[in-house]
Amino acid sequence: MDEDFRSLVDRVRDESGGSEAYERLIATEDPEELAAVLVERGRPLWAREIAAFRLGRAGDRRAFETLVLLLNHRDPERCVSASHALAGLGDPRTPRAAAALAVNRLRTAYALHPVRLLTALRAPESVPALITTLERLLAPDEPHWRVALACVEGLGRLGDSRARAVLEAARDHPRLGTAAEDALSALA
């Protein structure tokens, strides 16, 4: 059991009540059994999360939709586990989905993990989505500065010169200035 899976198992133990279904989902090696959990009616969220995580880590693309929903969940820990599974899934739809979540104005409060996933994926969608998101978050009194900081740091890691203008604008932001300077020095 790797560290990410152990964290998930520990987190949902209480939520599941340590039930027999919980123990079975942790122990099974049958991908069909896990995939069935994703489509069966009445399954609790914790069960779907375990099944999707395990399938995603195994490279089974049937987990994609559930993982994307979890990536956009209000619970940050669910977002983290979904992000880890999506990063290893290898589904070509992942960058587009993460970009759509990152730029969605109505879901900005939940965009931190999609932004980080875009940085990790280094996909063609990554830089444009991070630029778009950061431009919007530079407005005065914007409360989502952590998402903006993740964009700045991600653009620095990606090192794409298309980000120069938005990173220069971010230098004037009190919480982003130092990170923006660092990111600018990393641009190609």
Foldseek 3Di string as FASTA:
>chain_A
DDPLLVVLLVVCCVVVVVDPLSVCLVPDPDLVVLLVLCPDPPRDLSSVLSSLLVCLLVLNCSSVVVLLVQCLDPDVSSVVSSLVSPLNNPDPCLLVSLLCQLLPPVRVVSNQSSLLSLLSNLDPSNLVSLLNNLVVQLDPPRPNVNSNQSSLQSLLSSQEPVNLVSLVSQLPPPVRNVSSVSSNVSHD
